[in-house]
Amino acid sequence: ILWYLISWRPDVVHSQGIHTPRYGGIFGELSLIALSVARLAGIRIVTTMHATWGEAEFKASFAHRLPVWAANLLWIYYRAFIRSLARISNVCSV
C-alpha cells in the first residue's frame, strides 16, 4: 500500500473497513503506518468505518475463545486502534 501511495501521489485516499487482519496485525493496525505516511506527505485521508463493534458485542464475540481479562485487554487495544485511525483521518465516518 505504501509503495502505491508514494508512486501514485493521490490527492485523497479513502479507506473503508480496514479493521480486519487482512491488512496486517490483529485488526489491521499495519495500515496505520501507510496512512500516517500518506498524511505526512499531504495526502488527505477519508475513512469510513463499517461494522465497528460496540463494547458488549466485541466482548461477547471473544467470550468463548478468551478469558474475560484477555477480552477486556483486547477491547482496549481495539478501541485504541479505532481512535488512532480516526485521528489520522482528515474525515472519518462511522
Protein backbone atom coordinates (compact mmCIF):
# COMPACT_ATOMS: atom_id res chain seq x y z
CA ILE A 1 0.00 0.00 0.00
CA LEU A 2 2.77 2.39 0.94
CA TRP A 3 4.54 1.88 -2.41
CA TYR A 4 1.37 2.77 -4.35
CA LEU A 5 0.78 5.85 -2.23
CA ILE A 6 4.29 7.09 -2.87
CA SER A 7 4.32 6.30 -6.59
CA TRP A 8 0.78 7.49 -7.45
CA ARG A 9 0.67 10.53 -5.11
CA PRO A 10 -3.13 10.73 -4.97
CA ASP A 11 -4.89 13.80 -3.59
CA VAL A 12 -7.18 11.69 -1.40
CA VAL A 13 -7.08 8.16 -0.02
CA HIS A 14 -10.37 6.58 1.02
CA SER A 15 -10.10 3.70 3.45
CA GLN A 16 -13.11 1.69 4.44
CA GLY A 17 -13.49 -1.35 6.61
CA ILE A 18 -9.78 -1.72 7.24
CA HIS A 19 -10.31 -3.08 10.75
CA THR A 20 -9.55 -6.64 9.67
CA PRO A 21 -6.42 -8.82 9.92
CA ARG A 22 -6.32 -8.77 6.12
CA TYR A 23 -4.24 -5.57 6.39
CA GLY A 24 -1.78 -6.85 8.98
CA GLY A 25 -1.93 -7.20 12.74
CA ILE A 26 -5.00 -8.26 14.67
CA PHE A 27 -7.33 -5.52 13.41
CA GLY A 28 -5.37 -4.04 10.51
CA GLU A 29 -3.02 -1.92 12.61
CA LEU A 30 -0.28 -2.02 9.97
CA SER A 31 -2.48 0.10 7.72
CA LEU A 32 -1.93 2.93 10.22
CA ILE A 33 1.70 3.14 9.10
CA ALA A 34 0.83 3.64 5.44
CA LEU A 35 -1.97 6.08 6.24
CA SER A 36 0.29 8.05 8.61
CA VAL A 37 2.99 8.37 5.96
CA ALA A 38 0.37 9.45 3.42
CA ARG A 39 -0.98 12.07 5.82
CA LEU A 40 2.54 13.38 6.49
CA ALA A 41 3.04 13.61 2.72
CA GLY A 42 -0.01 15.88 2.49
CA ILE A 43 -2.45 13.31 1.14
CA ARG A 44 -5.95 13.70 2.60
CA ILE A 45 -7.32 10.59 4.32
CA VAL A 46 -11.04 9.86 4.30
CA THR A 47 -12.10 6.88 6.42
CA THR A 48 -15.49 5.21 6.57
CA MET A 49 -15.68 2.51 9.20
CA HIS A 50 -18.31 -0.10 8.50
CA ALA A 51 -19.50 -2.60 11.11
CA THR A 52 -17.40 -1.42 14.03
CA TRP A 53 -18.06 -3.25 17.27
CA GLY A 54 -19.53 -1.82 20.43
CA GLU A 55 -18.02 -2.95 23.73
CA ALA A 56 -20.70 -5.52 24.62
CA GLU A 57 -20.74 -7.05 21.14
CA PHE A 58 -16.95 -7.14 20.98
CA LYS A 59 -16.52 -8.86 24.34
CA ALA A 60 -19.34 -11.31 23.61
CA SER A 61 -17.71 -12.33 20.33
CA PHE A 62 -14.48 -13.23 22.15
CA ALA A 63 -16.03 -14.64 25.34
CA HIS A 64 -15.95 -18.26 24.17
CA ARG A 65 -12.34 -18.04 22.96
CA LEU A 66 -10.58 -15.92 25.58
CA PRO A 67 -10.60 -15.43 29.33
CA VAL A 68 -12.51 -12.33 30.42
CA TRP A 69 -9.34 -10.42 31.30
CA ALA A 70 -7.89 -11.07 27.83
CA ALA A 71 -11.09 -9.96 26.09
CA ASN A 72 -11.03 -6.77 28.20
CA LEU A 73 -7.42 -6.05 27.18
CA LEU A 74 -8.22 -6.79 23.56
CA TRP A 75 -11.14 -4.36 23.74
CA ILE A 76 -8.81 -1.61 25.00
CA TYR A 77 -6.40 -2.39 22.15
CA TYR A 78 -9.19 -2.37 19.53
CA ARG A 79 -10.58 0.90 20.86
CA ALA A 80 -7.10 2.47 20.69
CA PHE A 81 -6.74 1.28 17.08
CA ILE A 82 -10.09 2.79 16.07
CA ARG A 83 -9.23 6.07 17.80
CA SER A 84 -5.84 6.17 16.09
CA LEU A 85 -7.46 5.57 12.73
CA ALA A 86 -9.91 8.40 13.38
CA ARG A 87 -7.07 10.75 14.41
CA ILE A 88 -5.04 10.02 11.29
CA SER A 89 -8.02 10.69 9.03
CA ASN A 90 -8.95 14.15 7.79
CA VAL A 91 -12.57 12.98 7.59
CA CYS A 92 -13.94 9.99 9.48
CA SER A 93 -17.44 8.49 9.37
CA VAL A 94 -18.75 5.58 11.38
